[in-house]
Amino acid sequence: CKEAFCVLDLSLYSVNGLQETGKQFVREGETKEFACNLRLYTSRFTCT
């Protein structure tokens, strides 16, 4: 059983305008969306 995920530290992307901090796990091939400070704007993260 091999690892098939990425560890995402959202605090490293706060300068890009993300609202959230902390660590997230993203599955291989999965895309997760997180809210930005600007209303109705989001940033998408993909694990490949």
All heavy atoms as atom14 arrays in JSON, in Angstrom:
{
  "sequence": "CKEAFCVLDLSLYSVNGLQETGKQFVREGETKEFACNLRLYTSRFTCT",
  "atom14_mask": [
    [1, 1, 1, 1, 1, 1, 0, 0, 0, 0, 0, 0, 0, 0],
    [1, 1, 1, 1, 1, 1, 1, 1, 1, 0, 0, 0, 0, 0],
    [1, 1, 1, 1, 1, 1, 1, 1, 1, 0, 0, 0, 0, 0],
    [1, 1, 1, 1, 1, 0, 0, 0, 0, 0, 0, 0, 0, 0],
    [1, 1, 1, 1, 1, 1, 1, 1, 1, 1, 1, 0, 0, 0],
    [1, 1, 1, 1, 1, 1, 0, 0, 0, 0, 0, 0, 0, 0],
    [1, 1, 1, 1, 1, 1, 1, 0, 0, 0, 0, 0, 0, 0],
    [1, 1, 1, 1, 1, 1, 1, 1, 0, 0, 0, 0, 0, 0],
    [1, 1, 1, 1, 1, 1, 1, 1, 0, 0, 0, 0, 0, 0],
    [1, 1, 1, 1, 1, 1, 1, 1, 0, 0, 0, 0, 0, 0],
    [1, 1, 1, 1, 1, 1, 0, 0, 0, 0, 0, 0, 0, 0],
    [1, 1, 1, 1, 1, 1, 1, 1, 0, 0, 0, 0, 0, 0],
    [1, 1, 1, 1, 1, 1, 1, 1, 1, 1, 1, 1, 0, 0],
    [1, 1, 1, 1, 1, 1, 0, 0, 0, 0, 0, 0, 0, 0],
    [1, 1, 1, 1, 1, 1, 1, 0, 0, 0, 0, 0, 0, 0],
    [1, 1, 1, 1, 1, 1, 1, 1, 0, 0, 0, 0, 0, 0],
    [1, 1, 1, 1, 0, 0, 0, 0, 0, 0, 0, 0, 0, 0],
    [1, 1, 1, 1, 1, 1, 1, 1, 0, 0, 0, 0, 0, 0],
    [1, 1, 1, 1, 1, 1, 1, 1, 1, 0, 0, 0, 0, 0],
    [1, 1, 1, 1, 1, 1, 1, 1, 1, 0, 0, 0, 0, 0],
    [1, 1, 1, 1, 1, 1, 1, 0, 0, 0, 0, 0, 0, 0],
    [1, 1, 1, 1, 0, 0, 0, 0, 0, 0, 0, 0, 0, 0],
    [1, 1, 1, 1, 1, 1, 1, 1, 1, 0, 0, 0, 0, 0],
    [1, 1, 1, 1, 1, 1, 1, 1, 1, 0, 0, 0, 0, 0],
    [1, 1, 1, 1, 1, 1, 1, 1, 1, 1, 1, 0, 0, 0],
    [1, 1, 1, 1, 1, 1, 1, 0, 0, 0, 0, 0, 0, 0],
    [1, 1, 1, 1, 1, 1, 1, 1, 1, 1, 1, 0, 0, 0],
    [1, 1, 1, 1, 1, 1, 1, 1, 1, 0, 0, 0, 0, 0],
    [1, 1, 1, 1, 0, 0, 0, 0, 0, 0, 0, 0, 0, 0],
    [1, 1, 1, 1, 1, 1, 1, 1, 1, 0, 0, 0, 0, 0],
    [1, 1, 1, 1, 1, 1, 1, 0, 0, 0, 0, 0, 0, 0],
    [1, 1, 1, 1, 1, 1, 1, 1, 1, 0, 0, 0, 0, 0],
    [1, 1, 1, 1, 1, 1, 1, 1, 1, 0, 0, 0, 0, 0],
    [1, 1, 1, 1, 1, 1, 1, 1, 1, 1, 1, 0, 0, 0],
    [1, 1, 1, 1, 1, 0, 0, 0, 0, 0, 0, 0, 0, 0],
    [1, 1, 1, 1, 1, 1, 0, 0, 0, 0, 0, 0, 0, 0],
    [1, 1, 1, 1, 1, 1, 1, 1, 0, 0, 0, 0, 0, 0],
    [1, 1, 1, 1, 1, 1, 1, 1, 0, 0, 0, 0, 0, 0],
    [1, 1, 1, 1, 1, 1, 1, 1, 1, 1, 1, 0, 0, 0],
    [1, 1, 1, 1, 1, 1, 1, 1, 0, 0, 0, 0, 0, 0],
    [1, 1, 1, 1, 1, 1, 1, 1, 1, 1, 1, 1, 0, 0],
    [1, 1, 1, 1, 1, 1, 1, 0, 0, 0, 0, 0, 0, 0],
    [1, 1, 1, 1, 1, 1, 0, 0, 0, 0, 0, 0, 0, 0],
    [1, 1, 1, 1, 1, 1, 1, 1, 1, 1, 1, 0, 0, 0],
    [1, 1, 1, 1, 1, 1, 1, 1, 1, 1, 1, 0, 0, 0],
    [1, 1, 1, 1, 1, 1, 1, 0, 0, 0, 0, 0, 0, 0],
    [1, 1, 1, 1, 1, 1, 0, 0, 0, 0, 0, 0, 0, 0],
    [1, 1, 1, 1, 1, 1, 1, 0, 0, 0, 0, 0, 0, 0]
  ],
  "atom14_positions": [
    [[0.85, -1.19, 0.0], [0.0, 0.0, 0.0], [0.89, 1.24, 0.0], [1.54, 1.54, 1.0], [-0.94, 0.0, 1.2], [-2.21, -1.3, 1.13], [0.0, 0.0, 0.0], [0.0, 0.0, 0.0], [0.0, 0.0, 0.0], [0.0, 0.0, 0.0], [0.0, 0.0, 0.0], [0.0, 0.0, 0.0], [0.0, 0.0, 0.0], [0.0, 0.0, 0.0]],
    [[0.94, 1.91, -1.14], [1.78, 3.08, -1.3], [0.97, 4.35, -1.05], [-0.22, 4.42, -1.32], [2.36, 3.13, -2.72], [3.23, 1.93, -3.07], [4.55, 1.95, -2.31], [5.47, 0.84, -2.79], [6.77, 0.84, -2.09], [0.0, 0.0, 0.0], [0.0, 0.0, 0.0], [0.0, 0.0, 0.0], [0.0, 0.0, 0.0], [0.0, 0.0, 0.0]],
    [[1.67, 5.38, -0.51], [1.01, 6.66, -0.28], [0.45, 7.22, -1.57], [1.12, 7.2, -2.61], [1.99, 7.66, 0.34], [2.42, 7.3, 1.75], [3.37, 8.34, 2.34], [3.73, 9.29, 1.62], [3.75, 8.18, 3.5], [0.0, 0.0, 0.0], [0.0, 0.0, 0.0], [0.0, 0.0, 0.0], [0.0, 0.0, 0.0], [0.0, 0.0, 0.0]],
    [[-0.77, 7.71, -1.52], [-1.42, 8.31, -2.7], [-2.13, 9.59, -2.27], [-3.33, 9.76, -2.45], [-2.4, 7.32, -3.33], [0.0, 0.0, 0.0], [0.0, 0.0, 0.0], [0.0, 0.0, 0.0], [0.0, 0.0, 0.0], [0.0, 0.0, 0.0], [0.0, 0.0, 0.0], [0.0, 0.0, 0.0], [0.0, 0.0, 0.0], [0.0, 0.0, 0.0]],
    [[-1.35, 10.5, -1.68], [-1.93, 11.76, -1.22], [-0.84, 12.82, -1.11], [0.36, 12.52, -1.16], [-2.61, 11.59, 0.14], [-1.68, 11.17, 1.25], [-1.0, 12.1, 2.02], [-1.47, 9.82, 1.53], [-0.14, 11.72, 3.03], [-0.61, 9.42, 2.55], [0.06, 10.38, 3.3], [0.0, 0.0, 0.0], [0.0, 0.0, 0.0], [0.0, 0.0, 0.0]],
    [[-1.26, 14.06, -1.01], [-0.37, 15.19, -0.78], [-0.76, 15.85, 0.54], [-1.95, 15.94, 0.86], [-0.47, 16.22, -1.89], [0.05, 15.62, -3.53], [0.0, 0.0, 0.0], [0.0, 0.0, 0.0], [0.0, 0.0, 0.0], [0.0, 0.0, 0.0], [0.0, 0.0, 0.0], [0.0, 0.0, 0.0], [0.0, 0.0, 0.0], [0.0, 0.0, 0.0]],
    [[0.23, 16.3, 1.3], [-0.02, 17.07, 2.52], [0.04, 18.54, 2.15], [1.07, 19.04, 1.66], [1.01, 16.74, 3.61], [0.73, 17.56, 4.86], [0.99, 15.25, 3.93], [0.0, 0.0, 0.0], [0.0, 0.0, 0.0], [0.0, 0.0, 0.0], [0.0, 0.0, 0.0], [0.0, 0.0, 0.0], [0.0, 0.0, 0.0], [0.0, 0.0, 0.0]],
    [[-1.03, 19.26, 2.37], [-1.15, 20.66, 1.99], [-1.16, 21.53, 3.23], [-2.07, 21.45, 4.06], [-2.44, 20.86, 1.19], [-2.81, 22.29, 0.8], [-1.71, 22.9, -0.07], [-4.14, 22.3, 0.06], [0.0, 0.0, 0.0], [0.0, 0.0, 0.0], [0.0, 0.0, 0.0], [0.0, 0.0, 0.0], [0.0, 0.0, 0.0], [0.0, 0.0, 0.0]],
    [[-0.12, 22.36, 3.38], [-0.03, 23.31, 4.5], [-0.55, 24.65, 4.0], [0.16, 25.4, 3.32], [1.41, 23.41, 4.97], [1.54, 24.25, 6.25], [0.52, 24.85, 6.67], [2.65, 24.32, 6.8], [0.0, 0.0, 0.0], [0.0, 0.0, 0.0], [0.0, 0.0, 0.0], [0.0, 0.0, 0.0], [0.0, 0.0, 0.0], [0.0, 0.0, 0.0]],
    [[-1.8, 24.99, 4.32], [-2.43, 26.2, 3.79], [-1.77, 27.48, 4.29], [-1.87, 28.52, 3.64], [-3.91, 26.2, 4.15], [-4.76, 25.13, 3.45], [-6.19, 25.17, 3.97], [-4.76, 25.33, 1.95], [0.0, 0.0, 0.0], [0.0, 0.0, 0.0], [0.0, 0.0, 0.0], [0.0, 0.0, 0.0], [0.0, 0.0, 0.0], [0.0, 0.0, 0.0]],
    [[-1.08, 27.4, 5.45], [-0.42, 28.61, 5.97], [0.66, 29.11, 5.02], [0.99, 30.3, 5.02], [0.17, 28.32, 7.34], [1.19, 27.32, 7.26], [0.0, 0.0, 0.0], [0.0, 0.0, 0.0], [0.0, 0.0, 0.0], [0.0, 0.0, 0.0], [0.0, 0.0, 0.0], [0.0, 0.0, 0.0], [0.0, 0.0, 0.0], [0.0, 0.0, 0.0]],
    [[1.2, 28.21, 4.18], [2.25, 28.61, 3.25], [1.69, 29.43, 2.09], [2.45, 30.05, 1.34], [2.96, 27.36, 2.69], [3.66, 26.47, 3.71], [4.25, 25.24, 3.03], [4.75, 27.24, 4.43], [0.0, 0.0, 0.0], [0.0, 0.0, 0.0], [0.0, 0.0, 0.0], [0.0, 0.0, 0.0], [0.0, 0.0, 0.0], [0.0, 0.0, 0.0]],
    [[0.35, 29.43, 1.94], [-0.26, 30.12, 0.81], [-1.09, 31.32, 1.26], [-1.85, 31.88, 0.47], [-1.15, 29.15, 0.03], [-0.42, 27.93, -0.47], [-0.32, 26.79, 0.32], [0.2, 27.93, -1.71], [0.36, 25.67, -0.12], [0.89, 26.81, -2.17], [0.97, 25.69, -1.36], [1.65, 24.58, -1.79], [0.0, 0.0, 0.0], [0.0, 0.0, 0.0]],
    [[-0.95, 31.73, 2.52], [-1.75, 32.84, 3.04], [-1.44, 34.14, 2.29], [-2.31, 35.0, 2.13], [-1.5, 33.02, 4.53], [-0.11, 33.25, 4.78], [0.0, 0.0, 0.0], [0.0, 0.0, 0.0], [0.0, 0.0, 0.0], [0.0, 0.0, 0.0], [0.0, 0.0, 0.0], [0.0, 0.0, 0.0], [0.0, 0.0, 0.0], [0.0, 0.0, 0.0]],
    [[-0.22, 34.28, 1.8], [0.15, 35.49, 1.06], [-0.62, 35.59, -0.25], [-0.71, 36.65, -0.85], [1.67, 35.53, 0.78], [2.45, 35.65, 2.07], [2.11, 34.29, 0.01], [0.0, 0.0, 0.0], [0.0, 0.0, 0.0], [0.0, 0.0, 0.0], [0.0, 0.0, 0.0], [0.0, 0.0, 0.0], [0.0, 0.0, 0.0], [0.0, 0.0, 0.0]],
    [[-1.17, 34.47, -0.7], [-1.95, 34.48, -1.94], [-3.4, 34.88, -1.71], [-4.18, 34.93, -2.66], [-1.91, 33.09, -2.58], [-0.49, 32.69, -2.98], [0.32, 33.54, -3.29], [-0.21, 31.41, -2.94], [0.0, 0.0, 0.0], [0.0, 0.0, 0.0], [0.0, 0.0, 0.0], [0.0, 0.0, 0.0], [0.0, 0.0, 0.0], [0.0, 0.0, 0.0]],
    [[-3.77, 35.14, -0.44], [-5.12, 35.6, -0.17], [-6.06, 34.54, 0.34], [-7.27, 34.74, 0.33], [0.0, 0.0, 0.0], [0.0, 0.0, 0.0], [0.0, 0.0, 0.0], [0.0, 0.0, 0.0], [0.0, 0.0, 0.0], [0.0, 0.0, 0.0], [0.0, 0.0, 0.0], [0.0, 0.0, 0.0], [0.0, 0.0, 0.0], [0.0, 0.0, 0.0]],
    [[-5.56, 33.38, 0.81], [-6.43, 32.33, 1.34], [-6.94, 32.7, 2.73], [-6.2, 33.27, 3.54], [-5.7, 30.99, 1.41], [-5.42, 30.28, 0.09], [-4.7, 28.97, 0.36], [-6.7, 30.01, -0.66], [0.0, 0.0, 0.0], [0.0, 0.0, 0.0], [0.0, 0.0, 0.0], [0.0, 0.0, 0.0], [0.0, 0.0, 0.0], [0.0, 0.0, 0.0]],
    [[-8.18, 32.33, 3.02], [-8.75, 32.59, 4.34], [-8.28, 31.56, 5.36], [-8.07, 31.89, 6.53], [-10.28, 32.55, 4.26], [-10.92, 33.71, 3.52], [-12.43, 33.61, 3.55], [-13.0, 32.69, 4.13], [-13.09, 34.59, 2.93], [0.0, 0.0, 0.0], [0.0, 0.0, 0.0], [0.0, 0.0, 0.0], [0.0, 0.0, 0.0], [0.0, 0.0, 0.0]],
    [[-8.11, 30.32, 4.94], [-7.84, 29.23, 5.87], [-6.35, 28.99, 6.07], [-5.52, 29.34, 5.22], [-8.5, 27.94, 5.38], [-10.0, 28.05, 5.2], [-10.6, 26.75, 4.73], [-10.25, 25.69, 5.29], [-11.41, 26.8, 3.79], [0.0, 0.0, 0.0], [0.0, 0.0, 0.0], [0.0, 0.0, 0.0], [0.0, 0.0, 0.0], [0.0, 0.0, 0.0]],
    [[-6.03, 28.4, 7.23], [-4.68, 27.92, 7.49], [-4.78, 26.49, 8.01], [-5.87, 25.94, 8.12], [-3.97, 28.8, 8.53], [-4.74, 28.8, 9.75], [-3.8, 30.23, 8.03], [0.0, 0.0, 0.0], [0.0, 0.0, 0.0], [0.0, 0.0, 0.0], [0.0, 0.0, 0.0], [0.0, 0.0, 0.0], [0.0, 0.0, 0.0], [0.0, 0.0, 0.0]],
    [[-3.64, 25.89, 8.31], [-3.65, 24.51, 8.81], [-3.35, 23.52, 7.7], [-3.17, 23.9, 6.54], [0.0, 0.0, 0.0], [0.0, 0.0, 0.0], [0.0, 0.0, 0.0], [0.0, 0.0, 0.0], [0.0, 0.0, 0.0], [0.0, 0.0, 0.0], [0.0, 0.0, 0.0], [0.0, 0.0, 0.0], [0.0, 0.0, 0.0], [0.0, 0.0, 0.0]],
    [[-3.3, 22.25, 8.07], [-2.92, 21.2, 7.11], [-4.16, 20.47, 6.58], [-5.11, 20.23, 7.3], [-1.96, 20.21, 7.75], [-0.57, 20.79, 8.01], [0.4, 19.73, 8.51], [1.8, 20.31, 8.68], [2.78, 19.3, 9.14], [0.0, 0.0, 0.0], [0.0, 0.0, 0.0], [0.0, 0.0, 0.0], [0.0, 0.0, 0.0], [0.0, 0.0, 0.0]],
    [[-4.08, 20.13, 5.31], [-5.12, 19.37, 4.65], [-4.48, 18.21, 3.9], [-3.32, 18.28, 3.49], [-5.89, 20.25, 3.66], [-6.66, 21.38, 4.29], [-7.98, 20.93, 4.86], [-8.48, 19.86, 4.5], [-8.55, 21.73, 5.74], [0.0, 0.0, 0.0], [0.0, 0.0, 0.0], [0.0, 0.0, 0.0], [0.0, 0.0, 0.0], [0.0, 0.0, 0.0]],
    [[-5.26, 17.13, 3.71], [-4.8, 16.0, 2.91], [-5.61, 15.95, 1.62], [-6.84, 16.0, 1.64], [-4.97, 14.68, 3.68], [-4.03, 14.55, 4.86], [-4.38, 15.05, 6.1], [-2.8, 13.96, 4.7], [-3.52, 14.95, 7.18], [-1.93, 13.84, 5.76], [-2.3, 14.34, 7.01], [0.0, 0.0, 0.0], [0.0, 0.0, 0.0], [0.0, 0.0, 0.0]],
    [[-4.9, 15.86, 0.5], [-5.54, 15.81, -0.81], [-5.18, 14.49, -1.47], [-3.99, 14.16, -1.62], [-5.08, 16.98, -1.71], [-5.86, 16.99, -3.02], [-5.24, 18.32, -0.98], [0.0, 0.0, 0.0], [0.0, 0.0, 0.0], [0.0, 0.0, 0.0], [0.0, 0.0, 0.0], [0.0, 0.0, 0.0], [0.0, 0.0, 0.0], [0.0, 0.0, 0.0]],
    [[-6.18, 13.71, -1.86], [-5.94, 12.41, -2.5], [-5.27, 12.59, -3.86], [-5.38, 13.63, -4.5], [-7.25, 11.65, -2.71], [-7.98, 11.25, -1.44], [-9.29, 10.59, -1.83], [-10.14, 10.34, -0.67], [-10.14, 9.22, 0.04], [-9.32, 8.24, -0.3], [-10.94, 9.07, 1.08], [0.0, 0.0, 0.0], [0.0, 0.0, 0.0], [0.0, 0.0, 0.0]],
    [[-4.55, 11.56, -4.29], [-3.95, 11.56, -5.61], [-5.02, 11.76, -6.68], [-6.04, 11.07, -6.69], [-3.22, 10.23, -5.86], [-2.55, 10.12, -7.2], [-1.35, 11.02, -7.36], [-0.79, 11.45, -6.32], [-0.96, 11.3, -8.5], [0.0, 0.0, 0.0], [0.0, 0.0, 0.0], [0.0, 0.0, 0.0], [0.0, 0.0, 0.0], [0.0, 0.0, 0.0]],
    [[-4.82, 12.75, -7.57], [-5.78, 13.04, -8.62], [-6.96, 13.89, -8.18], [-7.82, 14.22, -9.0], [0.0, 0.0, 0.0], [0.0, 0.0, 0.0], [0.0, 0.0, 0.0], [0.0, 0.0, 0.0], [0.0, 0.0, 0.0], [0.0, 0.0, 0.0], [0.0, 0.0, 0.0], [0.0, 0.0, 0.0], [0.0, 0.0, 0.0], [0.0, 0.0, 0.0]],
    [[-7.04, 14.23, -6.88], [-8.17, 15.0, -6.36], [-7.87, 16.5, -6.41], [-6.72, 16.93, -6.29], [-8.46, 14.58, -4.92], [-9.65, 15.29, -4.28], [-9.84, 14.92, -2.82], [-8.87, 14.46, -2.2], [-10.97, 15.11, -2.31], [0.0, 0.0, 0.0], [0.0, 0.0, 0.0], [0.0, 0.0, 0.0], [0.0, 0.0, 0.0], [0.0, 0.0, 0.0]],
    [[-8.91, 17.31, -6.59], [-8.8, 18.77, -6.53], [-9.69, 19.29, -5.42], [-10.87, 18.94, -5.34], [-9.22, 19.41, -7.88], [-8.32, 18.98, -8.91], [-9.17, 20.93, -7.79], [0.0, 0.0, 0.0], [0.0, 0.0, 0.0], [0.0, 0.0, 0.0], [0.0, 0.0, 0.0], [0.0, 0.0, 0.0], [0.0, 0.0, 0.0], [0.0, 0.0, 0.0]],
    [[-9.09, 20.12, -4.53], [-9.86, 20.74, -3.44], [-9.84, 22.26, -3.63], [-8.88, 22.83, -4.12], [-9.27, 20.37, -2.08], [-9.64, 18.98, -1.6], [-9.26, 18.77, -0.14], [-9.78, 17.44, 0.38], [-9.47, 17.22, 1.81], [0.0, 0.0, 0.0], [0.0, 0.0, 0.0], [0.0, 0.0, 0.0], [0.0, 0.0, 0.0], [0.0, 0.0, 0.0]],
    [[-10.94, 22.89, -3.21], [-11.12, 24.33, -3.4], [-11.23, 25.0, -2.05], [-11.96, 24.53, -1.17], [-12.37, 24.56, -4.25], [-12.53, 25.96, -4.77], [-13.61, 26.03, -5.84], [-13.6, 25.22, -6.79], [-14.5, 26.9, -5.7], [0.0, 0.0, 0.0], [0.0, 0.0, 0.0], [0.0, 0.0, 0.0], [0.0, 0.0, 0.0], [0.0, 0.0, 0.0]],
    [[-10.49, 26.12, -1.87], [-10.49, 26.84, -0.6], [-10.8, 28.32, -0.85], [-10.39, 28.91, -1.85], [-9.15, 26.7, 0.11], [-8.81, 25.28, 0.44], [-8.03, 24.51, -0.41], [-9.29, 24.7, 1.6], [-7.73, 23.21, -0.12], [-8.98, 23.38, 1.91], [-8.21, 22.62, 1.04], [0.0, 0.0, 0.0], [0.0, 0.0, 0.0], [0.0, 0.0, 0.0]],
    [[-11.54, 28.91, 0.11], [-12.01, 30.28, -0.04], [-10.86, 31.28, 0.11], [-9.93, 31.07, 0.88], [-13.1, 30.57, 0.99], [0.0, 0.0, 0.0], [0.0, 0.0, 0.0], [0.0, 0.0, 0.0], [0.0, 0.0, 0.0], [0.0, 0.0, 0.0], [0.0, 0.0, 0.0], [0.0, 0.0, 0.0], [0.0, 0.0, 0.0], [0.0, 0.0, 0.0]],
    [[-10.95, 32.36, -0.65], [-9.99, 33.46, -0.58], [-10.62, 34.63, 0.17], [-11.83, 34.68, 0.41], [-9.56, 33.9, -1.98], [-8.7, 32.61, -2.91], [0.0, 0.0, 0.0], [0.0, 0.0, 0.0], [0.0, 0.0, 0.0], [0.0, 0.0, 0.0], [0.0, 0.0, 0.0], [0.0, 0.0, 0.0], [0.0, 0.0, 0.0], [0.0, 0.0, 0.0]],
    [[-9.79, 35.61, 0.54], [-10.29, 36.77, 1.27], [-11.27, 37.59, 0.42], [-12.22, 38.15, 0.94], [-9.12, 37.66, 1.7], [-8.26, 36.98, 2.76], [-8.79, 36.28, 3.63], [-6.96, 37.17, 2.69], [0.0, 0.0, 0.0], [0.0, 0.0, 0.0], [0.0, 0.0, 0.0], [0.0, 0.0, 0.0], [0.0, 0.0, 0.0], [0.0, 0.0, 0.0]],
    [[-11.03, 37.63, -0.89], [-11.93, 38.34, -1.77], [-13.22, 37.54, -1.95], [-13.18, 36.36, -2.29], [-11.25, 38.57, -3.12], [-11.94, 39.53, -4.09], [-12.07, 40.92, -3.48], [-11.16, 39.6, -5.4], [0.0, 0.0, 0.0], [0.0, 0.0, 0.0], [0.0, 0.0, 0.0], [0.0, 0.0, 0.0], [0.0, 0.0, 0.0], [0.0, 0.0, 0.0]],
    [[-14.34, 38.15, -1.73], [-15.63, 37.45, -1.73], [-15.89, 36.74, -3.06], [-15.67, 37.31, -4.13], [-16.75, 38.44, -1.43], [-18.14, 37.8, -1.29], [-19.15, 38.81, -0.81], [-20.48, 38.23, -0.73], [-21.36, 38.23, -1.7], [-21.04, 38.8, -2.86], [-22.55, 37.67, -1.54], [0.0, 0.0, 0.0], [0.0, 0.0, 0.0], [0.0, 0.0, 0.0]],
    [[-16.35, 35.48, -2.98], [-16.7, 34.62, -4.11], [-15.49, 34.19, -4.93], [-15.63, 33.65, -6.02], [-17.72, 35.31, -5.04], [-19.07, 35.68, -4.4], [-19.97, 36.35, -5.43], [-19.75, 34.45, -3.81], [0.0, 0.0, 0.0], [0.0, 0.0, 0.0], [0.0, 0.0, 0.0], [0.0, 0.0, 0.0], [0.0, 0.0, 0.0], [0.0, 0.0, 0.0]],
    [[-14.29, 34.42, -4.41], [-13.07, 33.96, -5.07], [-12.5, 32.76, -4.32], [-12.57, 32.69, -3.09], [-12.02, 35.07, -5.13], [-12.19, 36.01, -6.31], [-13.38, 36.73, -6.48], [-11.17, 36.19, -7.23], [-13.55, 37.59, -7.56], [-11.32, 37.05, -8.31], [-12.51, 37.75, -8.47], [-12.68, 38.59, -9.53], [0.0, 0.0, 0.0], [0.0, 0.0, 0.0]],
    [[-11.98, 31.8, -5.07], [-11.4, 30.61, -4.46], [-10.09, 30.24, -5.16], [-9.81, 30.71, -6.27], [-12.36, 29.4, -4.56], [-12.63, 29.14, -5.94], [-13.66, 29.65, -3.81], [0.0, 0.0, 0.0], [0.0, 0.0, 0.0], [0.0, 0.0, 0.0], [0.0, 0.0, 0.0], [0.0, 0.0, 0.0], [0.0, 0.0, 0.0], [0.0, 0.0, 0.0]],
    [[-9.31, 29.39, -4.5], [-8.08, 28.84, -5.09], [-8.21, 27.32, -5.09], [-8.67, 26.72, -4.11], [-6.86, 29.27, -4.28], [-5.66, 28.75, -4.86], [0.0, 0.0, 0.0], [0.0, 0.0, 0.0], [0.0, 0.0, 0.0], [0.0, 0.0, 0.0], [0.0, 0.0, 0.0], [0.0, 0.0, 0.0], [0.0, 0.0, 0.0], [0.0, 0.0, 0.0]],
    [[-7.8, 26.69, -6.19], [-7.94, 25.24, -6.33], [-6.57, 24.56, -6.24], [-5.62, 25.0, -6.89], [-8.61, 24.89, -7.66], [-10.06, 25.33, -7.72], [-10.72, 24.95, -9.04], [-12.13, 25.32, -9.07], [-12.94, 25.12, -10.1], [-12.46, 24.55, -11.2], [-14.2, 25.49, -10.04], [0.0, 0.0, 0.0], [0.0, 0.0, 0.0], [0.0, 0.0, 0.0]],
    [[-6.51, 23.49, -5.45], [-5.26, 22.74, -5.25], [-5.47, 21.3, -5.74], [-6.46, 20.66, -5.4], [-4.88, 22.73, -3.77], [-4.47, 24.08, -3.25], [-5.43, 25.04, -2.95], [-3.13, 24.38, -3.06], [-5.05, 26.28, -2.47], [-2.76, 25.62, -2.58], [-3.71, 26.58, -2.29], [0.0, 0.0, 0.0], [0.0, 0.0, 0.0], [0.0, 0.0, 0.0]],
    [[-4.53, 20.8, -6.53], [-4.61, 19.46, -7.11], [-3.37, 18.66, -6.76], [-2.25, 19.18, -6.81], [-4.75, 19.54, -8.65], [-5.9, 20.32, -8.98], [-4.89, 18.15, -9.25], [0.0, 0.0, 0.0], [0.0, 0.0, 0.0], [0.0, 0.0, 0.0], [0.0, 0.0, 0.0], [0.0, 0.0, 0.0], [0.0, 0.0, 0.0], [0.0, 0.0, 0.0]],
    [[-3.58, 17.4, -6.42], [-2.46, 16.49, -6.1], [-2.22, 15.58, -7.3], [-3.09, 14.81, -7.69], [-2.8, 15.65, -4.86], [-1.53, 14.44, -4.42], [0.0, 0.0, 0.0], [0.0, 0.0, 0.0], [0.0, 0.0, 0.0], [0.0, 0.0, 0.0], [0.0, 0.0, 0.0], [0.0, 0.0, 0.0], [0.0, 0.0, 0.0], [0.0, 0.0, 0.0]],
    [[-1.03, 15.67, -7.89], [-0.65, 14.84, -9.04], [0.74, 14.28, -8.81], [1.69, 15.05, -8.62], [-0.66, 15.66, -10.35], [-1.94, 16.29, -10.5], [-0.39, 14.76, -11.54], [0.0, 0.0, 0.0], [0.0, 0.0, 0.0], [0.0, 0.0, 0.0], [0.0, 0.0, 0.0], [0.0, 0.0, 0.0], [0.0, 0.0, 0.0], [0.0, 0.0, 0.0]]
  ]
}
